[in-house]
Amino acid sequence: MAGDAYWLEDVDVNGTRTMHGPVSVSAGMGSGMPAESDATASETRMLSQMNQAVPATPGSQQSHVVETWPAAAAPSVGQIQKQFELAAHPAVKIYVRHEGWYRVGQPDLVKAGLDANVDPALLHLYAEAIEQPMQITGATAGPGGFGPQAAINFYGTGIDTVFSGTRVYWLAAGEGRGARIRQLPVSSGSTSLRRVIRRQWNCSSTRFISRRC
């Protein structure tokens, strides 16, 4: 009620009690409260909704994933020459704005101008005229082996320049085998993982105790 004084007590987990106040309520505060209260109520979520995506509130700051950007550097003479070469020959341009794993199927690439009879081994992927490794799935060897079930897979990133936030990847057929993502052998099990964790823990303990690790 107006004119009353209120105290707020907070109790820490260790039992410490702290009083905050007094706080007085003025008579004019009630007139502006409904709109704020309604907005707060509309943003309140049930416990069952905590794992669901919610559209951002207008004017609020959104959390976002910190993305990796390619290092900005002036292109070399070789890069400039390679870019002219790419622009002078048939190529498919793939636009990427955000960091992540990308898959582009053969039907979409053919629609964008890729030769349906291309030899998949001769496909090259470039960004800033520097070849980028990629993975090709669903293809068979030889000309025409990049069929409708095939696709290219690559890890792409956007770009952060004063001109654009979109990075352009060029897919083109060239001479020689293109760069590919190397496949690592499958792990034999979780024993090695437990061993690594145990050694790291021992190392951390030694560093904490004796500072010799």
C-alpha atoms as a PDB file:
ATOM      1  CA  MET A   1       0.000   0.000   0.000  1.00  0.00           C
ATOM      2  CA  ALA A   2       1.079   3.589  -0.581  1.00  0.00           C
ATOM      3  CA  GLY A   3       3.104   4.972   2.288  1.00  0.00           C
ATOM      4  CA  ASP A   4       4.146   1.566   3.629  1.00  0.00           C
ATOM      5  CA  ALA A   5       7.789   0.537   3.863  1.00  0.00           C
ATOM      6  CA  TYR A   6       9.026  -2.882   2.795  1.00  0.00           C
ATOM      7  CA  TRP A   7      12.193  -4.865   3.549  1.00  0.00           C
ATOM      8  CA  LEU A   8      13.592  -7.676   1.423  1.00  0.00           C
ATOM      9  CA  GLU A   9      15.563 -10.432   3.102  1.00  0.00           C
ATOM     10  CA  ASP A  10      17.883 -12.728   1.144  1.00  0.00           C
ATOM     11  CA  VAL A  11      19.193 -15.935   2.672  1.00  0.00           C
ATOM     12  CA  ASP A  12      22.434 -17.365   1.272  1.00  0.00           C
ATOM     13  CA  VAL A  13      22.988 -21.122   0.961  1.00  0.00           C
ATOM     14  CA  ASN A  14      25.418 -20.932   3.862  1.00  0.00           C
ATOM     15  CA  GLY A  15      22.729 -19.436   6.121  1.00  0.00           C
ATOM     16  CA  THR A  16      23.852 -15.800   5.929  1.00  0.00           C
ATOM     17  CA  ARG A  17      20.885 -13.435   6.070  1.00  0.00           C
ATOM     18  CA  THR A  18      20.998  -9.955   4.519  1.00  0.00           C
ATOM     19  CA  MET A  19      18.255  -7.332   4.773  1.00  0.00           C
ATOM     20  CA  HIS A  20      17.658  -4.835   1.959  1.00  0.00           C
ATOM     21  CA  GLY A  21      15.520  -1.761   2.394  1.00  0.00           C
ATOM     22  CA  PRO A  22      13.439  -0.042   3.363  1.00  0.00           C
ATOM     23  CA  VAL A  23      11.585   0.518   0.080  1.00  0.00           C
ATOM     24  CA  SER A  24       8.574   2.827  -0.053  1.00  0.00           C
ATOM     25  CA  VAL A  25       5.686   2.620  -2.505  1.00  0.00           C
ATOM     26  CA  SER A  26       4.381   5.857  -3.961  1.00  0.00           C
ATOM     27  CA  ALA A  27       0.747   6.361  -4.945  1.00  0.00           C
ATOM     28  CA  GLY A  28       1.496   7.085  -8.618  1.00  0.00           C
ATOM     29  CA  MET A  29       3.300   3.809  -9.389  1.00  0.00           C
ATOM     30  CA  GLY A  30       0.145   1.794  -9.990  1.00  0.00           C
ATOM     31  CA  SER A  31      -0.905   3.653 -13.149  1.00  0.00           C
ATOM     32  CA  GLY A  32       1.990   2.483 -15.219  1.00  0.00           C
ATOM     33  CA  MET A  33       2.177  -1.082 -13.974  1.00  0.00           C
ATOM     34  CA  PRO A  34      -0.432  -3.025 -16.001  1.00  0.00           C
ATOM     35  CA  ALA A  35       1.313  -2.744 -19.357  1.00  0.00           C
ATOM     36  CA  GLU A  36       4.649  -3.815 -17.872  1.00  0.00           C
ATOM     37  CA  SER A  37       3.034  -6.630 -15.934  1.00  0.00           C
ATOM     38  CA  ASP A  38       1.214  -7.879 -19.019  1.00  0.00           C
ATOM     39  CA  ALA A  39       4.428  -7.867 -21.017  1.00  0.00           C
ATOM     40  CA  THR A  40       6.205  -9.792 -18.284  1.00  0.00           C
ATOM     41  CA  ALA A  41       3.409 -12.334 -18.075  1.00  0.00           C
ATOM     42  CA  SER A  42       3.447 -12.898 -21.829  1.00  0.00           C
ATOM     43  CA  GLU A  43       7.171 -13.626 -21.685  1.00  0.00           C
ATOM     44  CA  THR A  44       6.867 -16.029 -18.743  1.00  0.00           C
ATOM     45  CA  ARG A  45       7.335 -19.670 -19.751  1.00  0.00           C
ATOM     46  CA  MET A  46       6.138 -22.877 -18.165  1.00  0.00           C
ATOM     47  CA  LEU A  47       8.747 -25.396 -17.026  1.00  0.00           C
ATOM     48  CA  SER A  48       7.602 -27.753 -19.795  1.00  0.00           C
ATOM     49  CA  GLN A  49       8.406 -25.052 -22.355  1.00  0.00           C
ATOM     50  CA  MET A  50      11.969 -24.411 -21.267  1.00  0.00           C
ATOM     51  CA  ASN A  51      13.452 -26.613 -24.022  1.00  0.00           C
ATOM     52  CA  GLN A  52      11.392 -24.997 -26.775  1.00  0.00           C
ATOM     53  CA  ALA A  53      12.620 -22.264 -29.081  1.00  0.00           C
ATOM     54  CA  VAL A  54      11.001 -18.897 -28.430  1.00  0.00           C
ATOM     55  CA  PRO A  55      11.041 -15.925 -30.814  1.00  0.00           C
ATOM     56  CA  ALA A  56      13.112 -13.040 -29.562  1.00  0.00           C
ATOM     57  CA  THR A  57      11.340 -10.238 -27.734  1.00  0.00           C
ATOM     58  CA  PRO A  58      11.485  -7.005 -29.761  1.00  0.00           C
ATOM     59  CA  GLY A  59      14.218  -4.805 -28.405  1.00  0.00           C
ATOM     60  CA  SER A  60      15.882  -7.573 -26.412  1.00  0.00           C
ATOM     61  CA  GLN A  61      19.459  -8.736 -26.923  1.00  0.00           C
ATOM     62  CA  GLN A  62      19.752 -12.225 -28.369  1.00  0.00           C
ATOM     63  CA  SER A  63      22.449 -14.721 -27.511  1.00  0.00           C
ATOM     64  CA  HIS A  64      24.264 -16.117 -30.513  1.00  0.00           C
ATOM     65  CA  VAL A  65      26.938 -18.598 -31.428  1.00  0.00           C
ATOM     66  CA  VAL A  66      30.392 -17.083 -31.775  1.00  0.00           C
ATOM     67  CA  GLU A  67      31.400 -17.949 -35.325  1.00  0.00           C
ATOM     68  CA  THR A  68      34.843 -18.407 -36.830  1.00  0.00           C
ATOM     69  CA  TRP A  69      35.749 -16.041 -39.647  1.00  0.00           C
ATOM     70  CA  PRO A  70      38.566 -16.541 -42.150  1.00  0.00           C
ATOM     71  CA  ALA A  71      41.510 -14.264 -41.494  1.00  0.00           C
ATOM     72  CA  ALA A  72      41.316 -11.127 -43.612  1.00  0.00           C
ATOM     73  CA  ALA A  73      44.373 -10.686 -45.810  1.00  0.00           C
ATOM     74  CA  ALA A  74      45.221  -9.072 -49.126  1.00  0.00           C
ATOM     75  CA  PRO A  75      45.029 -11.622 -51.970  1.00  0.00           C
ATOM     76  CA  SER A  76      48.299 -12.795 -53.441  1.00  0.00           C
ATOM     77  CA  VAL A  77      49.125 -12.554 -57.129  1.00  0.00           C
ATOM     78  CA  GLY A  78      48.443 -16.276 -57.468  1.00  0.00           C
ATOM     79  CA  GLN A  79      45.020 -15.884 -55.873  1.00  0.00           C
ATOM     80  CA  ILE A  80      44.110 -13.054 -58.217  1.00  0.00           C
ATOM     81  CA  GLN A  81      45.154 -15.086 -61.241  1.00  0.00           C
ATOM     82  CA  LYS A  82      43.236 -18.114 -60.008  1.00  0.00           C
ATOM     83  CA  GLN A  83      40.118 -16.034 -59.425  1.00  0.00           C
ATOM     84  CA  PHE A  84      40.242 -14.724 -62.993  1.00  0.00           C
ATOM     85  CA  GLU A  85      40.616 -18.313 -64.167  1.00  0.00           C
ATOM     86  CA  LEU A  86      37.608 -19.453 -62.160  1.00  0.00           C
ATOM     87  CA  ALA A  87      35.485 -16.583 -63.453  1.00  0.00           C
ATOM     88  CA  ALA A  88      36.421 -17.408 -67.044  1.00  0.00           C
ATOM     89  CA  HIS A  89      35.221 -21.025 -66.871  1.00  0.00           C
ATOM     90  CA  PRO A  90      31.956 -22.738 -65.895  1.00  0.00           C
ATOM     91  CA  ALA A  91      31.578 -22.886 -62.129  1.00  0.00           C
ATOM     92  CA  VAL A  92      28.837 -23.081 -59.528  1.00  0.00           C
ATOM     93  CA  LYS A  93      28.828 -20.404 -56.836  1.00  0.00           C
ATOM     94  CA  ILE A  94      27.649 -21.403 -53.352  1.00  0.00           C
ATOM     95  CA  TYR A  95      26.868 -18.581 -50.936  1.00  0.00           C
ATOM     96  CA  VAL A  96      27.515 -19.131 -47.215  1.00  0.00           C
ATOM     97  CA  ARG A  97      26.669 -16.676 -44.441  1.00  0.00           C
ATOM     98  CA  HIS A  98      27.058 -18.812 -41.321  1.00  0.00           C
ATOM     99  CA  GLU A  99      29.603 -21.314 -40.081  1.00  0.00           C
ATOM    100  CA  GLY A 100      28.548 -24.952 -40.310  1.00  0.00           C
ATOM    101  CA  TRP A 101      28.558 -28.240 -42.182  1.00  0.00           C
ATOM    102  CA  TYR A 102      26.961 -27.921 -45.627  1.00  0.00           C
ATOM    103  CA  ARG A 103      25.603 -30.528 -48.019  1.00  0.00           C
ATOM    104  CA  VAL A 104      24.600 -29.686 -51.587  1.00  0.00           C
ATOM    105  CA  GLY A 105      23.031 -32.405 -53.712  1.00  0.00           C
ATOM    106  CA  GLN A 106      23.774 -33.129 -57.357  1.00  0.00           C
ATOM    107  CA  PRO A 107      20.307 -32.061 -58.626  1.00  0.00           C
ATOM    108  CA  ASP A 108      20.755 -28.560 -57.173  1.00  0.00           C
ATOM    109  CA  LEU A 109      24.288 -28.305 -58.544  1.00  0.00           C
ATOM    110  CA  VAL A 110      23.177 -29.398 -62.023  1.00  0.00           C
ATOM    111  CA  LYS A 111      20.379 -26.818 -61.961  1.00  0.00           C
ATOM    112  CA  ALA A 112      23.005 -24.208 -61.108  1.00  0.00           C
ATOM    113  CA  GLY A 113      25.086 -25.171 -64.151  1.00  0.00           C
ATOM    114  CA  LEU A 114      27.280 -28.127 -63.180  1.00  0.00           C
ATOM    115  CA  ASP A 115      27.928 -30.675 -65.948  1.00  0.00           C
ATOM    116  CA  ALA A 116      25.926 -33.823 -65.097  1.00  0.00           C
ATOM    117  CA  ASN A 117      28.619 -35.981 -66.742  1.00  0.00           C
ATOM    118  CA  VAL A 118      31.481 -34.606 -64.667  1.00  0.00           C
ATOM    119  CA  ASP A 119      34.033 -36.936 -63.112  1.00  0.00           C
ATOM    120  CA  PRO A 120      33.593 -36.440 -59.329  1.00  0.00           C
ATOM    121  CA  ALA A 121      37.315 -36.880 -58.731  1.00  0.00           C
ATOM    122  CA  LEU A 122      37.983 -33.717 -60.743  1.00  0.00           C
ATOM    123  CA  LEU A 123      35.696 -31.452 -58.712  1.00  0.00           C
ATOM    124  CA  HIS A 124      37.433 -28.639 -56.839  1.00  0.00           C
ATOM    125  CA  LEU A 125      36.028 -26.225 -54.256  1.00  0.00           C
ATOM    126  CA  TYR A 126      37.517 -22.751 -53.813  1.00  0.00           C
ATOM    127  CA  ALA A 127      37.041 -19.770 -51.506  1.00  0.00           C
ATOM    128  CA  GLU A 128      39.057 -16.608 -52.119  1.00  0.00           C
ATOM    129  CA  ALA A 129      40.739 -18.646 -54.886  1.00  0.00           C
ATOM    130  CA  ILE A 130      42.186 -21.061 -52.295  1.00  0.00           C
ATOM    131  CA  GLU A 131      41.132 -24.680 -52.625  1.00  0.00           C
ATOM    132  CA  GLN A 132      39.005 -26.001 -49.762  1.00  0.00           C
ATOM    133  CA  PRO A 133      38.788 -29.714 -48.913  1.00  0.00           C
ATOM    134  CA  MET A 134      35.398 -31.348 -49.297  1.00  0.00           C
ATOM    135  CA  GLN A 135      33.748 -34.741 -49.092  1.00  0.00           C
ATOM    136  CA  ILE A 136      31.831 -36.347 -51.952  1.00  0.00           C
ATOM    137  CA  THR A 137      29.208 -38.937 -51.121  1.00  0.00           C
ATOM    138  CA  GLY A 138      26.955 -41.153 -53.246  1.00  0.00           C
ATOM    139  CA  ALA A 139      29.196 -40.978 -56.328  1.00  0.00           C
ATOM    140  CA  THR A 140      30.991 -43.592 -58.397  1.00  0.00           C
ATOM    141  CA  ALA A 141      34.342 -43.317 -60.151  1.00  0.00           C
ATOM    142  CA  GLY A 142      34.739 -41.954 -63.646  1.00  0.00           C
ATOM    143  CA  PRO A 143      32.887 -39.522 -65.919  1.00  0.00           C
ATOM    144  CA  GLY A 144      29.157 -39.477 -65.195  1.00  0.00           C
ATOM    145  CA  GLY A 145      29.747 -40.916 -61.728  1.00  0.00           C
ATOM    146  CA  PHE A 146      28.360 -37.826 -60.021  1.00  0.00           C
ATOM    147  CA  GLY A 147      24.748 -38.955 -60.329  1.00  0.00           C
ATOM    148  CA  PRO A 148      21.468 -37.749 -58.764  1.00  0.00           C
ATOM    149  CA  GLN A 149      22.268 -39.488 -55.455  1.00  0.00           C
ATOM    150  CA  ALA A 150      25.637 -37.763 -55.110  1.00  0.00           C
ATOM    151  CA  ALA A 151      26.404 -34.676 -53.080  1.00  0.00           C
ATOM    152  CA  ILE A 152      29.280 -32.498 -51.934  1.00  0.00           C
ATOM    153  CA  ASN A 153      29.830 -31.903 -48.221  1.00  0.00           C
ATOM    154  CA  PHE A 154      32.066 -29.222 -46.749  1.00  0.00           C
ATOM    155  CA  TYR A 155      32.569 -27.085 -43.672  1.00  0.00           C
ATOM    156  CA  GLY A 156      31.821 -23.523 -44.609  1.00  0.00           C
ATOM    157  CA  THR A 157      32.095 -20.164 -42.896  1.00  0.00           C
ATOM    158  CA  GLY A 158      30.790 -16.716 -43.593  1.00  0.00           C
ATOM    159  CA  ILE A 159      33.073 -13.744 -43.995  1.00  0.00           C
ATOM    160  CA  ASP A 160      33.350 -10.479 -42.108  1.00  0.00           C
ATOM    161  CA  THR A 161      34.345  -7.575 -44.337  1.00  0.00           C
ATOM    162  CA  VAL A 162      33.136  -4.029 -44.877  1.00  0.00           C
ATOM    163  CA  PHE A 163      31.689  -5.165 -48.193  1.00  0.00           C
ATOM    164  CA  SER A 164      29.794  -8.345 -47.334  1.00  0.00           C
ATOM    165  CA  GLY A 165      29.019 -11.003 -44.746  1.00  0.00           C
ATOM    166  CA  THR A 166      28.554 -13.693 -47.389  1.00  0.00           C
ATOM    167  CA  ARG A 167      31.424 -15.932 -48.430  1.00  0.00           C
ATOM    168  CA  VAL A 168      31.345 -17.292 -51.970  1.00  0.00           C
ATOM    169  CA  TYR A 169      32.512 -20.846 -52.634  1.00  0.00           C
ATOM    170  CA  TRP A 170      33.270 -21.823 -56.228  1.00  0.00           C
ATOM    171  CA  LEU A 171      32.751 -25.422 -57.370  1.00  0.00           C
ATOM    172  CA  ALA A 172      34.431 -26.228 -60.667  1.00  0.00           C
ATOM    173  CA  ALA A 173      35.852 -29.157 -62.588  1.00  0.00           C
ATOM    174  CA  GLY A 174      39.596 -28.932 -63.017  1.00  0.00           C
ATOM    175  CA  GLU A 175      42.673 -30.944 -63.836  1.00  0.00           C
ATOM    176  CA  GLY A 176      43.792 -33.490 -61.295  1.00  0.00           C
ATOM    177  CA  ARG A 177      42.069 -34.783 -58.206  1.00  0.00           C
ATOM    178  CA  GLY A 178      40.444 -32.188 -55.962  1.00  0.00           C
ATOM    179  CA  ALA A 179      41.243 -31.729 -52.282  1.00  0.00           C
ATOM    180  CA  ARG A 180      39.224 -34.047 -50.059  1.00  0.00           C
ATOM    181  CA  ILE A 181      38.519 -34.220 -46.332  1.00  0.00           C
ATOM    182  CA  ARG A 182      40.619 -37.003 -44.888  1.00  0.00           C
ATOM    183  CA  GLN A 183      38.672 -39.706 -43.082  1.00  0.00           C
ATOM    184  CA  LEU A 184      40.073 -40.775 -39.728  1.00  0.00           C
ATOM    185  CA  PRO A 185      39.987 -44.435 -38.651  1.00  0.00           C
ATOM    186  CA  VAL A 186      37.130 -45.430 -36.370  1.00  0.00           C
ATOM    187  CA  SER A 187      38.055 -45.577 -32.675  1.00  0.00           C
ATOM    188  CA  SER A 188      38.367 -49.067 -31.192  1.00  0.00           C
ATOM    189  CA  GLY A 189      36.290 -48.147 -28.135  1.00  0.00           C
ATOM    190  CA  SER A 190      36.055 -45.957 -25.063  1.00  0.00           C
ATOM    191  CA  THR A 191      39.086 -47.400 -23.221  1.00  0.00           C
ATOM    192  CA  SER A 192      41.484 -44.896 -24.732  1.00  0.00           C
ATOM    193  CA  LEU A 193      39.116 -42.055 -23.844  1.00  0.00           C
ATOM    194  CA  ARG A 194      38.985 -43.081 -20.183  1.00  0.00           C
ATOM    195  CA  ARG A 195      42.777 -43.315 -20.184  1.00  0.00           C
ATOM    196  CA  VAL A 196      43.145 -39.802 -21.590  1.00  0.00           C
ATOM    197  CA  ILE A 197      40.734 -38.381 -19.045  1.00  0.00           C
ATOM    198  CA  ARG A 198      42.514 -40.117 -16.177  1.00  0.00           C
ATOM    199  CA  ARG A 199      45.933 -38.873 -17.271  1.00  0.00           C
ATOM    200  CA  GLN A 200      44.654 -35.332 -17.679  1.00  0.00           C
ATOM    201  CA  TRP A 201      43.109 -35.463 -14.224  1.00  0.00           C
ATOM    202  CA  ASN A 202      46.348 -36.732 -12.710  1.00  0.00           C
ATOM    203  CA  CYS A 203      48.271 -34.007 -14.478  1.00  0.00           C
ATOM    204  CA  SER A 204      45.868 -31.352 -13.225  1.00  0.00           C
ATOM    205  CA  SER A 205      46.141 -32.671  -9.659  1.00  0.00           C
ATOM    206  CA  THR A 206      49.934 -32.632  -9.818  1.00  0.00           C
ATOM    207  CA  ARG A 207      49.935 -29.089 -11.123  1.00  0.00           C
ATOM    208  CA  PHE A 208      47.619 -27.986  -8.320  1.00  0.00           C
ATOM    209  CA  ILE A 209      49.683 -29.634  -5.616  1.00  0.00           C
ATOM    210  CA  SER A 210      53.323 -29.378  -6.703  1.00  0.00           C
ATOM    211  CA  ARG A 211      53.191 -27.052  -9.748  1.00  0.00           C
ATOM    212  CA  ARG A 212      55.643 -29.272 -11.634  1.00  0.00           C
ATOM    213  CA  CYS A 213      53.271 -30.685 -14.264  1.00  0.00           C
END
